[in-house]
Protein backbone atom coordinates (compact mmCIF):
# COMPACT_ATOMS: atom_id res chain seq x y z
CA MET A 1 122.47 120.39 153.83
CA ALA A 2 118.81 119.26 154.15
CA ASP A 3 119.73 118.00 157.96
CA SER A 4 121.60 121.71 159.04
CA LEU A 5 118.10 123.77 157.61
CA VAL A 6 115.90 120.80 159.51
CA ALA A 7 118.21 121.24 163.17
CA ARG A 8 117.65 125.15 162.71
CA LEU A 9 113.77 125.18 162.30
CA SER A 10 111.72 124.83 165.64
CA LEU A 11 108.32 123.61 165.35
CA ASP A 12 107.18 126.87 166.44
CA ASP A 13 108.98 128.53 162.89
CA VAL A 14 107.09 125.53 160.96
CA ARG A 15 103.72 126.31 162.69
CA ALA A 16 103.76 130.39 161.79
CA SER A 17 104.86 128.97 158.10
CA VAL A 18 101.98 126.53 157.92
CA LYS A 19 99.93 129.51 159.59
CA ARG A 20 101.32 132.35 157.70
CA ALA A 21 100.80 129.86 154.20
CA GLN A 22 97.31 129.31 155.50
CA THR A 23 96.05 132.91 155.54
CA GLU A 24 97.69 133.93 152.50
CA GLY A 25 96.19 131.27 150.89
CA ARG A 26 92.49 131.88 151.89
CA LYS A 27 93.09 135.36 150.70
CA PHE A 28 94.42 134.64 147.98
CA VAL A 29 91.07 132.04 146.83
CA THR A 30 88.75 135.00 148.61
CA ARG A 31 90.11 137.91 146.22
CA LEU A 32 90.22 135.15 143.62
CA ARG A 33 86.58 134.20 143.94
CA LYS A 34 85.26 137.70 144.71
CA ASP A 35 86.85 138.72 140.62
CA ALA A 36 85.55 135.17 139.41
CA THR A 37 81.73 136.60 140.87
CA ALA A 38 82.45 139.92 139.81
CA MET A 39 83.46 138.23 136.12
CA VAL A 40 80.00 136.51 135.83
CA ASN A 41 78.03 139.50 136.77
CA ARG A 42 78.91 142.10 134.19
CA ARG A 43 76.91 142.14 131.14
CA PRO A 44 79.09 140.07 128.14
CA LEU A 45 79.02 143.79 126.26
CA ASP A 46 81.12 144.90 128.79
CA VAL A 47 83.53 142.20 128.92
CA LEU A 48 84.16 142.55 125.20
CA SER A 49 84.54 146.48 125.44
CA ASP A 50 86.83 145.72 128.75
CA ALA A 51 88.47 143.38 126.06
CA ARG A 52 88.49 145.55 123.24
CA LYS A 53 90.02 148.64 125.13
CA ARG A 54 93.01 145.61 126.42
CA ALA A 55 93.99 144.61 122.85
CA ASN A 56 94.10 148.33 121.78
CA LYS A 57 96.15 149.45 124.67
CA ALA A 58 98.61 146.43 123.88
CA VAL A 59 98.45 147.07 120.37
CA GLU A 60 99.48 150.85 121.45
CA GLN A 61 102.16 149.25 123.39
CA LEU A 62 103.51 147.24 120.91
CA ASP A 63 103.46 150.09 118.31
CA VAL A 64 105.23 152.44 120.49
CA GLN A 65 107.60 149.51 121.17
CA GLN A 66 108.09 148.61 117.13
CA ARG A 67 108.84 152.33 116.74
CA ARG A 68 111.74 152.39 119.21
CA LEU A 69 113.11 148.69 118.43
CA ARG A 70 113.35 150.25 114.44
CA THR A 71 115.14 153.85 115.59
CA LEU A 72 117.73 151.45 117.25
CA VAL A 73 117.95 149.37 114.66
CA VAL A 74 118.28 152.03 112.26
CA ASP A 75 120.55 153.97 114.62
CA ARG A 76 122.69 150.95 114.95
CA ILE A 77 123.31 150.25 111.61
CA ALA A 78 124.01 153.67 110.56
CA ASP A 79 127.13 153.48 112.84
CA LEU A 80 127.76 150.10 111.10
CA ALA A 81 127.70 151.43 108.07
CA GLY A 82 129.63 155.25 108.75
CA GLN A 83 132.06 152.40 110.82
CA ALA A 84 132.45 150.61 107.39
CA ALA A 85 132.78 153.38 105.12
CA SER A 86 135.60 155.01 106.98
CA ARG A 87 137.71 151.72 107.33
CA VAL A 88 136.99 151.58 103.41
CA GLY A 89 138.37 154.84 103.11
CA LEU A 90 134.54 155.84 101.63
CA ALA A 91 133.54 160.05 101.77
CA SER A 92 130.57 160.66 103.78
CA ALA A 93 127.41 162.68 102.87
CA GLN A 94 129.07 165.72 104.82
CA ASP A 95 132.71 164.76 103.10
CA VAL A 96 130.36 165.02 99.30
CA ALA A 97 127.98 167.94 100.66
CA ASP A 98 131.43 169.86 101.46
CA LEU A 99 133.09 169.30 98.42
CA LYS A 100 130.06 170.05 96.32
CA ARG A 101 129.93 173.54 97.95
CA ARG A 102 133.63 174.08 97.42
CA LEU A 103 133.39 173.15 93.81
CA GLY A 104 130.39 175.18 93.41
CA ASP A 105 132.42 178.30 94.91
CA LEU A 106 134.98 177.73 92.51
CA GLU A 107 133.29 177.41 89.46
CA ARG A 108 131.32 181.07 90.38
CA ARG A 109 134.84 182.42 91.00
CA LEU A 110 136.05 180.85 87.78
CA ASP A 111 133.01 181.92 85.90
CA ARG A 112 134.10 186.00 87.76
CA VAL A 113 137.88 185.14 86.36
CA SER A 114 136.50 184.81 82.87
CA LYS A 115 134.35 187.51 82.95
CA HIS A 116 137.04 189.89 83.93
CA GLN A 117 139.33 188.58 81.30
CA ALA A 118 136.98 188.52 78.90
CA ALA A 119 136.00 192.49 79.30
């Protein structure tokens, strides 16, 4: 396989690749040198302030991710609990609330009937 790759590359292609790599390398080193010089020339308090801002931003992003993850986990646990309850045959909170409402309605009707018969 290496022989077939070498056979397909011409010397001009190799030279062009090397030239491109050198050019990109020079650009990278120039940017790196420029950024390093800018960092060295900055006042230490500016560097510290910038670091604090970046740290605060990172903490805020972590908080957002934490809230998303917490919501995802709570929702997933609620889904699993609902599935487990339905498999076991337990009543849901909505079912219990509906039964309480119906029971209250029946108690009121029973009180009305009792008062009507007493009168």
